[in-house]
């Protein structure tokens, strides 16, 4: 049980915190779409992006998703979001170590990049997610300057999320919010296989 002194100190600390938070909220006056990056070697980048899509459509906003790298295997986010009328395009070739075909991967990447570029130019989209797009610059599948130009010229209200490891510095500089997922440990390292509904 806390003493009266401890309770008073807690209340004083929370009042100070509230004043600081209220001041920061008051100072945030800019209304525009934001560019977010989820990068790093930890799990959860795609999950965080898809959670934001669910939040957006829950508020009646229009969202679109383009997945680079990943294949056309059954995945929960695709099943759910397609059922809620979210435009969802997949590169569909799978991981590069599986395809081992650079030309085929580049062609597939550019095909879905056209869908991403179309959405980035369309003011009816409130949110566009480009999942695993960082690999497109790492592997030189899509020119970095094309991606930057599309991001810079998108409608002012439109928000965008980029995910993937090793995000290019020019994209993190351009972004409003950057979150780096850090791997502490992963069940796969203990031999636990990927599970439906948890990992895809």
Protein backbone atom coordinates (compact mmCIF):
# COMPACT_ATOMS: atom_id res chain seq x y z
CA UNK A 1 0.00 0.00 0.00
CA UNK A 2 1.32 3.40 -0.97
CA UNK A 3 1.82 6.13 1.60
CA UNK A 4 0.15 9.53 1.26
CA UNK A 5 3.54 10.97 0.34
CA UNK A 6 4.00 8.42 -2.46
CA UNK A 7 0.49 9.08 -3.77
CA UNK A 8 1.10 12.84 -3.78
CA UNK A 9 4.43 12.41 -5.56
CA UNK A 10 2.81 10.17 -8.16
CA UNK A 11 0.04 12.70 -8.74
CA UNK A 12 2.57 15.54 -9.03
CA UNK A 13 4.65 13.57 -11.55
CA UNK A 14 1.59 12.72 -13.65
CA UNK A 15 0.45 16.36 -13.64
CA UNK A 16 3.89 17.42 -14.88
CA UNK A 17 3.76 14.75 -17.58
CA UNK A 18 0.25 15.83 -18.62
CA UNK A 19 1.41 19.44 -18.97
CA UNK A 20 4.32 18.35 -21.20
CA UNK A 21 2.11 16.10 -23.35
CA UNK A 22 -0.61 18.77 -23.66
CA UNK A 23 2.00 21.28 -24.85
CA UNK A 24 3.30 18.88 -27.48
CA UNK A 25 -0.24 18.12 -28.68
CA UNK A 26 -0.99 21.84 -28.85
CA UNK A 27 2.16 22.43 -30.90
CA UNK A 28 1.28 19.77 -33.49
CA UNK A 29 -0.73 21.86 -35.96
CA UNK A 30 0.28 20.45 -39.35
CA UNK A 31 -2.35 18.31 -41.09
CA UNK A 32 -0.96 16.18 -43.92
CA UNK A 33 -0.30 12.63 -44.99
CA UNK A 34 2.71 11.01 -43.33
CA UNK A 35 5.39 8.71 -44.65
CA UNK A 36 6.26 5.88 -42.27
CA UNK A 37 9.07 3.35 -42.49
CA UNK A 38 9.19 0.05 -40.59
CA UNK A 39 12.67 -1.40 -40.96
CA UNK A 40 15.23 -3.43 -39.00
CA UNK A 41 15.95 -7.15 -38.66
CA UNK A 42 13.19 -7.83 -36.12
CA UNK A 43 9.82 -9.47 -36.72
CA UNK A 44 6.69 -7.33 -37.02
CA UNK A 45 7.25 -4.87 -39.86
CA UNK A 46 4.50 -6.22 -42.12
CA UNK A 47 2.26 -6.84 -39.11
CA UNK A 48 2.57 -3.21 -38.02
CA UNK A 49 1.80 -1.98 -41.53
CA UNK A 50 -1.25 -4.23 -41.90
CA UNK A 51 -2.50 -3.16 -38.49
CA UNK A 52 -2.45 0.43 -39.72
CA UNK A 53 -4.44 -0.61 -42.81
CA UNK A 54 -7.06 -2.21 -40.55
CA UNK A 55 -7.18 0.99 -38.50
CA UNK A 56 -7.63 3.11 -41.63
CA UNK A 57 -10.44 1.02 -43.11
CA UNK A 58 -12.07 0.96 -39.66
CA UNK A 59 -12.39 4.74 -40.04
CA UNK A 60 -13.85 4.41 -43.53
CA UNK A 61 -10.64 5.36 -45.33
CA UNK A 62 -9.44 3.84 -48.60
CA UNK A 63 -6.22 1.84 -48.48
CA UNK A 64 -4.12 -0.14 -50.94
CA UNK A 65 -1.34 -2.67 -50.42
CA UNK A 66 1.49 -3.83 -52.66
CA UNK A 67 3.66 -6.71 -51.44
CA UNK A 68 7.09 -7.07 -52.99
CA UNK A 69 9.20 -10.25 -52.65
CA UNK A 70 6.52 -12.40 -50.99
CA UNK A 71 4.82 -15.15 -52.95
CA UNK A 72 1.18 -15.96 -53.66
CA UNK A 73 0.83 -18.40 -50.79
CA UNK A 74 -2.23 -18.16 -48.55
CA UNK A 75 -1.83 -15.38 -45.99
CA UNK A 76 -4.18 -13.99 -43.39
CA UNK A 77 -3.72 -10.30 -44.11
CA UNK A 78 -4.53 -10.80 -47.80
CA UNK A 79 -7.61 -12.89 -46.98
CA UNK A 80 -8.93 -10.34 -44.50
CA UNK A 81 -8.15 -7.15 -46.39
CA UNK A 82 -9.44 -8.40 -49.75
CA UNK A 83 -12.70 -9.28 -48.01
CA UNK A 84 -12.84 -5.63 -46.88
CA UNK A 85 -12.33 -4.24 -50.40
CA UNK A 86 -8.68 -3.26 -49.97
CA UNK A 87 -6.77 -3.28 -53.26
CA UNK A 88 -4.00 -5.82 -52.62
CA UNK A 89 -1.32 -6.72 -55.17
CA UNK A 90 1.48 -9.26 -54.71
CA UNK A 91 4.70 -9.59 -56.65
CA UNK A 92 4.02 -13.28 -56.34
CA UNK A 93 7.41 -14.72 -57.21
CA UNK A 94 8.39 -15.53 -53.65
CA UNK A 95 11.73 -15.00 -51.95
CA UNK A 96 14.72 -14.35 -54.20
CA UNK A 97 16.60 -17.34 -52.81
CA UNK A 98 13.69 -19.48 -53.98
CA UNK A 99 13.31 -18.07 -57.52
CA UNK A 100 17.02 -17.63 -58.30
CA UNK A 101 15.91 -15.82 -61.44
CA UNK A 102 16.87 -12.14 -61.41
CA UNK A 103 15.23 -11.19 -64.71
CA UNK A 104 11.93 -12.80 -63.75
CA UNK A 105 12.04 -11.07 -60.35
CA UNK A 106 12.75 -7.67 -61.92
CA UNK A 107 9.85 -8.07 -64.35
CA UNK A 108 7.48 -9.10 -61.55
CA UNK A 109 8.70 -6.25 -59.33
CA UNK A 110 8.09 -3.65 -62.02
CA UNK A 111 4.64 -5.05 -62.72
CA UNK A 112 3.47 -4.50 -59.14
CA UNK A 113 5.46 -1.26 -58.89
CA UNK A 114 3.14 0.12 -61.59
CA UNK A 115 0.19 -0.64 -59.28
CA UNK A 116 1.96 1.11 -56.40
CA UNK A 117 2.78 4.12 -58.56
CA UNK A 118 -0.83 4.28 -59.76
CA UNK A 119 -2.12 4.32 -56.17
CA UNK A 120 0.46 6.89 -55.09
CA UNK A 121 -0.87 9.21 -57.81
CA UNK A 122 -4.54 8.60 -56.98
CA UNK A 123 -6.06 11.06 -54.46
CA UNK A 124 -8.85 8.62 -53.58
CA UNK A 125 -6.31 6.53 -51.62
CA UNK A 126 -5.78 7.68 -48.05
CA UNK A 127 -3.11 5.07 -47.29
CA UNK A 128 -0.75 3.06 -49.48
CA UNK A 129 1.46 0.28 -48.08
CA UNK A 130 4.53 -0.92 -49.98
CA UNK A 131 5.51 -4.02 -48.06
CA UNK A 132 9.14 -5.23 -48.47
CA UNK A 133 9.92 -2.46 -50.93
CA UNK A 134 13.34 -1.88 -49.35
CA UNK A 135 14.58 -5.00 -51.14
CA UNK A 136 13.69 -3.41 -54.47
CA UNK A 137 16.38 -0.76 -53.96
CA UNK A 138 18.85 -3.15 -52.29
CA UNK A 139 18.69 -5.50 -55.30
CA UNK A 140 18.36 -2.64 -57.83
CA UNK A 141 15.06 -3.99 -59.16
CA UNK A 142 13.38 -0.56 -59.11
CA UNK A 143 15.37 2.69 -59.41
CA UNK A 144 15.52 4.55 -56.10
CA UNK A 145 14.83 7.89 -57.80
CA UNK A 146 11.57 6.50 -59.26
CA UNK A 147 10.38 5.54 -55.78
CA UNK A 148 11.40 8.90 -54.29
CA UNK A 149 9.70 10.84 -57.10
CA UNK A 150 6.44 8.92 -56.65
CA UNK A 151 6.54 9.48 -52.88
CA UNK A 152 7.28 13.19 -53.19
CA UNK A 153 4.55 13.76 -55.79
CA UNK A 154 1.76 11.85 -54.05
CA UNK A 155 -1.40 13.72 -52.93
CA UNK A 156 -0.74 15.85 -49.84
CA UNK A 157 -3.30 14.06 -47.66
CA UNK A 158 -2.10 10.56 -48.57
CA UNK A 159 -0.12 8.53 -46.04
CA UNK A 160 2.29 5.80 -47.06
CA UNK A 161 4.10 2.97 -45.29
CA UNK A 162 7.32 1.33 -46.50
CA UNK A 163 8.56 -1.88 -44.89
CA UNK A 164 11.61 -4.11 -45.14
CA UNK A 165 15.13 -4.57 -43.84
CA UNK A 166 17.99 -2.18 -44.58
CA UNK A 167 15.89 0.76 -45.72
CA UNK A 168 17.92 3.11 -47.91
CA UNK A 169 19.08 6.23 -46.03
CA UNK A 170 17.46 8.56 -48.57
CA UNK A 171 14.08 6.99 -47.79
CA UNK A 172 14.53 7.26 -44.03
CA UNK A 173 15.51 10.92 -44.43
CA UNK A 174 12.37 11.53 -46.51
CA UNK A 175 10.13 9.74 -43.98
CA UNK A 176 8.22 11.48 -41.18
CA UNK A 177 8.31 8.45 -38.88
CA UNK A 178 10.89 5.66 -38.85
CA UNK A 179 10.64 2.62 -36.58
CA UNK A 180 13.42 0.07 -36.43
CA UNK A 181 12.37 -3.41 -35.31
CA UNK A 182 15.21 -5.04 -33.38
CA UNK A 183 15.50 -8.81 -33.12
CA UNK A 184 16.00 -9.92 -29.51
CA UNK A 185 15.12 -13.56 -30.15
CA UNK A 186 12.91 -15.51 -32.53
CA UNK A 187 11.19 -18.86 -32.15
CA UNK A 188 12.55 -19.97 -35.54
CA UNK A 189 16.04 -19.98 -34.02
CA UNK A 190 14.81 -22.65 -31.61
CA UNK A 191 13.38 -24.72 -34.44
CA UNK A 192 9.76 -23.52 -34.09
CA UNK A 193 8.19 -23.52 -37.55
CA UNK A 194 6.15 -20.62 -38.96
CA UNK A 195 2.48 -20.91 -38.03
CA UNK A 196 -0.72 -20.04 -39.87
CA UNK A 197 -2.39 -17.03 -38.29
CA UNK A 198 0.77 -16.00 -36.46
CA UNK A 199 3.48 -15.73 -39.09
CA UNK A 200 1.38 -15.47 -42.26
